């Protein structure tokens, strides 16, 4: 009986041990890396993100995998910023842990083999684009994005889309008629913005975004 209890306790301790982070802790150089290596909760989160990222990337087509790689690099910079500049009354640990938790949820939600067409939700580190179809067969787009973590800029655009082949076009109705084009490329939706013909370049970007904001980038189908 005693031997059984000792064995059970040993297994419990082993099961609670921190997973190895995705990098070599002996070479940890930045404050974020040192914090992850020194905390079992953060180490487990980092390991889970790395494992999920690898699994999803391996299931994506080549273009989508390349896009996810860029999105992951972006995430790492956001993660580091969250640790360096936590919100008021938030500790660096909580800011870092929350940021990594959101990232893992996003990676788990990615659908590497989405059905043809546009209908559904598409996400990246900056936000979400939802495309629905009404009773008349028209495609409707609702897009929202923000600078990750600090929200220093926000984009918001919705409207009826005009479909042409593998591309949807949404025209802004409440100001200069900028357009948002969404092009299906395998497992990603590629977003680009275009100013109206003859418009003067003022450096502010599309009117449906705050200063320096944009929907530009690759968006991943999510379940």
Protein backbone atom coordinates (compact mmCIF):
# COMPACT_ATOMS: atom_id res chain seq x y z
CA UNK A 1 0.00 0.00 0.00
CA UNK A 2 2.77 2.44 0.98
CA UNK A 3 4.68 1.56 -2.17
CA UNK A 4 1.54 2.29 -4.24
CA UNK A 5 1.10 5.71 -2.56
CA UNK A 6 4.72 6.63 -3.16
CA UNK A 7 4.44 5.65 -6.82
CA UNK A 8 1.19 7.67 -7.21
CA UNK A 9 2.80 10.72 -5.63
CA UNK A 10 5.80 10.43 -7.91
CA UNK A 11 3.57 10.28 -10.99
CA UNK A 12 1.62 13.33 -9.82
CA UNK A 13 4.82 15.30 -9.36
CA UNK A 14 6.07 14.26 -12.78
CA UNK A 15 2.76 15.21 -14.40
CA UNK A 16 2.88 18.70 -12.91
CA UNK A 17 6.43 19.39 -14.09
CA UNK A 18 6.83 22.31 -16.47
CA UNK A 19 7.20 21.52 -20.13
CA UNK A 20 10.42 22.68 -21.75
CA UNK A 21 9.95 26.04 -23.50
CA UNK A 22 10.37 26.28 -27.26
CA UNK A 23 13.90 27.65 -26.88
CA UNK A 24 17.06 26.76 -24.99
CA UNK A 25 16.82 28.33 -21.53
CA UNK A 26 20.60 28.14 -21.19
CA UNK A 27 20.71 30.78 -23.93
CA UNK A 28 17.81 32.91 -22.68
CA UNK A 29 18.87 36.51 -23.26
CA UNK A 30 15.81 38.75 -23.09
CA UNK A 31 13.69 39.56 -20.01
CA UNK A 32 10.75 37.72 -21.61
CA UNK A 33 12.75 34.56 -22.26
CA UNK A 34 14.15 34.60 -18.72
CA UNK A 35 10.68 35.06 -17.29
CA UNK A 36 9.31 32.14 -19.32
CA UNK A 37 12.19 29.91 -18.23
CA UNK A 38 11.69 30.87 -14.59
CA UNK A 39 7.96 30.18 -14.38
CA UNK A 40 6.29 26.82 -14.97
CA UNK A 41 2.97 28.36 -16.09
CA UNK A 42 4.65 30.50 -18.73
CA UNK A 43 6.92 27.64 -19.79
CA UNK A 44 3.90 25.38 -20.34
CA UNK A 45 2.12 28.08 -22.33
CA UNK A 46 5.15 28.69 -24.53
CA UNK A 47 5.58 24.97 -25.16
CA UNK A 48 1.88 24.55 -26.03
CA UNK A 49 1.99 27.48 -28.46
CA UNK A 50 5.08 26.08 -30.19
CA UNK A 51 3.51 22.62 -30.48
CA UNK A 52 0.21 23.94 -31.84
CA UNK A 53 1.94 26.33 -34.25
CA UNK A 54 4.05 23.51 -35.66
CA UNK A 55 1.01 21.25 -36.08
CA UNK A 56 -1.11 23.92 -37.82
CA UNK A 57 1.69 25.12 -40.07
CA UNK A 58 2.34 21.55 -41.19
CA UNK A 59 -1.31 21.16 -42.21
CA UNK A 60 -1.48 24.40 -44.24
CA UNK A 61 -0.67 24.88 -47.89
CA UNK A 62 2.69 26.52 -48.69
CA UNK A 63 1.37 30.08 -49.03
CA UNK A 64 -0.72 29.87 -45.88
CA UNK A 65 2.20 28.34 -43.95
CA UNK A 66 4.39 31.26 -44.99
CA UNK A 67 1.69 33.70 -43.89
CA UNK A 68 1.36 31.97 -40.51
CA UNK A 69 5.12 32.19 -40.04
CA UNK A 70 4.93 35.97 -40.50
CA UNK A 71 1.95 36.18 -38.14
CA UNK A 72 3.86 34.20 -35.51
CA UNK A 73 6.82 36.58 -35.71
CA UNK A 74 4.39 39.44 -35.26
CA UNK A 75 2.95 37.69 -32.22
CA UNK A 76 6.40 37.38 -30.63
CA UNK A 77 6.90 41.14 -30.87
CA UNK A 78 3.45 41.71 -29.36
CA UNK A 79 4.23 39.24 -26.58
CA UNK A 80 7.46 41.05 -25.75
CA UNK A 81 5.68 44.41 -25.73
CA UNK A 82 2.97 43.10 -23.41
CA UNK A 83 5.66 42.00 -20.94
CA UNK A 84 7.59 45.27 -21.20
CA UNK A 85 4.55 47.54 -20.96
CA UNK A 86 1.78 45.83 -18.99
CA UNK A 87 -1.51 47.65 -18.53
CA UNK A 88 -1.99 49.75 -15.44
CA UNK A 89 -2.60 47.48 -12.41
CA UNK A 90 -1.49 44.45 -14.45
CA UNK A 91 1.74 42.60 -13.71
CA UNK A 92 4.20 41.64 -16.46
CA UNK A 93 3.41 37.99 -15.66
CA UNK A 94 -0.36 38.43 -16.15
CA UNK A 95 0.05 40.51 -19.31
CA UNK A 96 2.39 37.91 -20.75
CA UNK A 97 0.25 34.94 -19.68
CA UNK A 98 -2.95 36.47 -21.07
CA UNK A 99 -1.27 37.30 -24.38
CA UNK A 100 -0.01 33.74 -24.76
CA UNK A 101 -3.39 32.29 -23.78
CA UNK A 102 -5.11 34.29 -26.54
CA UNK A 103 -2.49 33.15 -29.02
CA UNK A 104 -2.97 29.49 -28.21
CA UNK A 105 -6.74 29.86 -28.57
CA UNK A 106 -6.26 31.44 -32.00
CA UNK A 107 -3.89 28.71 -33.21
CA UNK A 108 -6.29 25.99 -32.03
CA UNK A 109 -9.15 27.67 -33.91
CA UNK A 110 -7.41 27.79 -37.31
CA UNK A 111 -9.00 25.57 -39.94
CA UNK A 112 -6.16 24.49 -42.28
CA UNK A 113 -8.55 23.06 -44.87
CA UNK A 114 -11.45 25.52 -45.21
CA UNK A 115 -14.24 24.91 -47.69
CA UNK A 116 -14.18 26.81 -50.99
CA UNK A 117 -15.69 30.28 -51.03
CA UNK A 118 -15.68 33.17 -48.60
CA UNK A 119 -18.40 32.55 -46.01
CA UNK A 120 -17.10 32.17 -42.48
CA UNK A 121 -14.79 33.83 -40.00
CA UNK A 122 -11.22 34.79 -40.85
CA UNK A 123 -8.75 35.93 -38.21
CA UNK A 124 -5.17 37.01 -37.65
CA UNK A 125 -3.37 38.62 -34.75
CA UNK A 126 -5.03 41.97 -35.46
CA UNK A 127 -8.70 41.06 -35.66
CA UNK A 128 -11.52 39.32 -37.47
CA UNK A 129 -13.31 39.43 -40.80
CA UNK A 130 -16.71 37.75 -40.86
CA UNK A 131 -18.42 37.03 -44.17
CA UNK A 132 -22.07 35.98 -44.26
CA UNK A 133 -24.63 35.38 -46.99
CA UNK A 134 -28.14 36.81 -46.72
CA UNK A 135 -31.42 35.38 -48.00
CA UNK A 136 -30.87 37.06 -51.37
CA UNK A 137 -27.51 35.35 -51.85
CA UNK A 138 -25.56 38.57 -51.27
CA UNK A 139 -22.27 38.41 -49.38
CA UNK A 140 -21.90 40.76 -46.42
CA UNK A 141 -18.57 41.66 -44.84
CA UNK A 142 -17.97 42.86 -41.27
CA UNK A 143 -14.29 43.56 -40.61
CA UNK A 144 -12.68 44.74 -37.39
CA UNK A 145 -9.03 45.02 -36.44
CA UNK A 146 -6.80 46.87 -34.00
CA UNK A 147 -3.16 47.22 -33.17
CA UNK A 148 -2.53 44.16 -30.98
CA UNK A 149 -2.45 44.56 -27.22
CA UNK A 150 -2.47 48.37 -26.96
CA UNK A 151 -5.19 49.20 -29.51
CA UNK A 152 -3.53 52.44 -30.63
CA UNK A 153 -5.42 52.20 -33.91
CA UNK A 154 -8.71 50.54 -34.77
CA UNK A 155 -10.31 49.64 -38.13
CA UNK A 156 -14.02 49.02 -38.66
CA UNK A 157 -15.70 48.41 -42.02
CA UNK A 158 -18.88 46.63 -43.02
CA UNK A 159 -20.96 46.44 -46.16
CA UNK A 160 -22.19 44.45 -49.10
CA UNK A 161 -19.46 42.81 -51.16
CA UNK A 162 -19.21 42.55 -54.91
CA UNK A 163 -17.90 39.14 -55.95
CA UNK A 164 -15.67 38.63 -58.97
CA UNK A 165 -13.99 35.24 -59.28
CA UNK A 166 -11.81 34.67 -56.24
CA UNK A 167 -12.13 38.28 -55.01
CA UNK A 168 -14.63 40.28 -52.98
CA UNK A 169 -14.72 44.08 -53.03
CA UNK A 170 -16.27 46.25 -50.33
CA UNK A 171 -16.53 50.03 -50.92
CA UNK A 172 -16.55 52.46 -47.99
CA UNK A 173 -19.82 54.40 -47.97
CA UNK A 174 -19.30 57.07 -45.29
CA UNK A 175 -16.46 59.04 -46.84
CA UNK A 176 -13.93 58.88 -49.64
CA UNK A 177 -14.78 55.62 -51.47
CA UNK A 178 -11.80 53.52 -50.56
CA UNK A 179 -12.17 49.84 -51.31
CA UNK A 180 -11.23 46.72 -49.40
CA UNK A 181 -10.50 43.71 -51.58
CA UNK A 182 -10.47 40.19 -50.15
CA UNK A 183 -8.89 37.53 -52.32
CA UNK A 184 -9.04 33.82 -51.56
CA UNK A 185 -5.63 32.16 -51.80
CA UNK A 186 -5.86 28.57 -50.60
CA UNK A 187 -6.41 28.59 -46.84
CA UNK A 188 -5.95 32.35 -46.44
CA UNK A 189 -7.88 35.47 -47.30
CA UNK A 190 -5.60 38.23 -48.59
CA UNK A 191 -6.77 41.76 -47.73
CA UNK A 192 -5.70 44.89 -49.62
CA UNK A 193 -6.96 48.49 -49.53
CA UNK A 194 -7.12 50.87 -52.48
CA UNK A 195 -7.75 54.64 -52.38
CA UNK A 196 -10.25 56.18 -54.80
CA UNK A 197 -8.92 57.12 -58.22
CA UNK A 198 -7.28 60.54 -58.24
CA UNK A 199 -7.18 60.80 -54.44
CA UNK A 200 -4.33 62.81 -52.97
CA UNK A 201 -1.96 60.84 -50.79
CA UNK A 202 -2.30 62.38 -47.32
CA UNK A 203 -0.55 59.64 -45.38
CA UNK A 204 -3.50 58.90 -43.11
CA UNK A 205 -4.54 55.66 -44.76
CA UNK A 206 -8.11 54.41 -45.26
CA UNK A 207 -10.86 56.47 -43.56
CA UNK A 208 -12.29 53.39 -41.86
CA UNK A 209 -9.09 53.01 -39.84
CA UNK A 210 -7.36 55.10 -37.22
CA UNK A 211 -3.93 56.62 -37.86
CA UNK A 212 -1.56 53.98 -39.28
CA UNK A 213 -4.29 51.33 -39.19
CA UNK A 214 -4.99 48.87 -41.99
CA UNK A 215 -6.64 45.56 -42.82
CA UNK A 216 -3.67 44.75 -45.05
CA UNK A 217 -2.44 41.21 -44.59
CA UNK A 218 -3.36 37.53 -44.58
CA UNK A 219 -6.33 36.20 -42.65
CA UNK A 220 -6.84 32.58 -41.61
CA UNK A 221 -10.08 30.60 -41.65
CA UNK A 222 -11.16 29.69 -38.13
CA UNK A 223 -13.63 27.16 -36.84
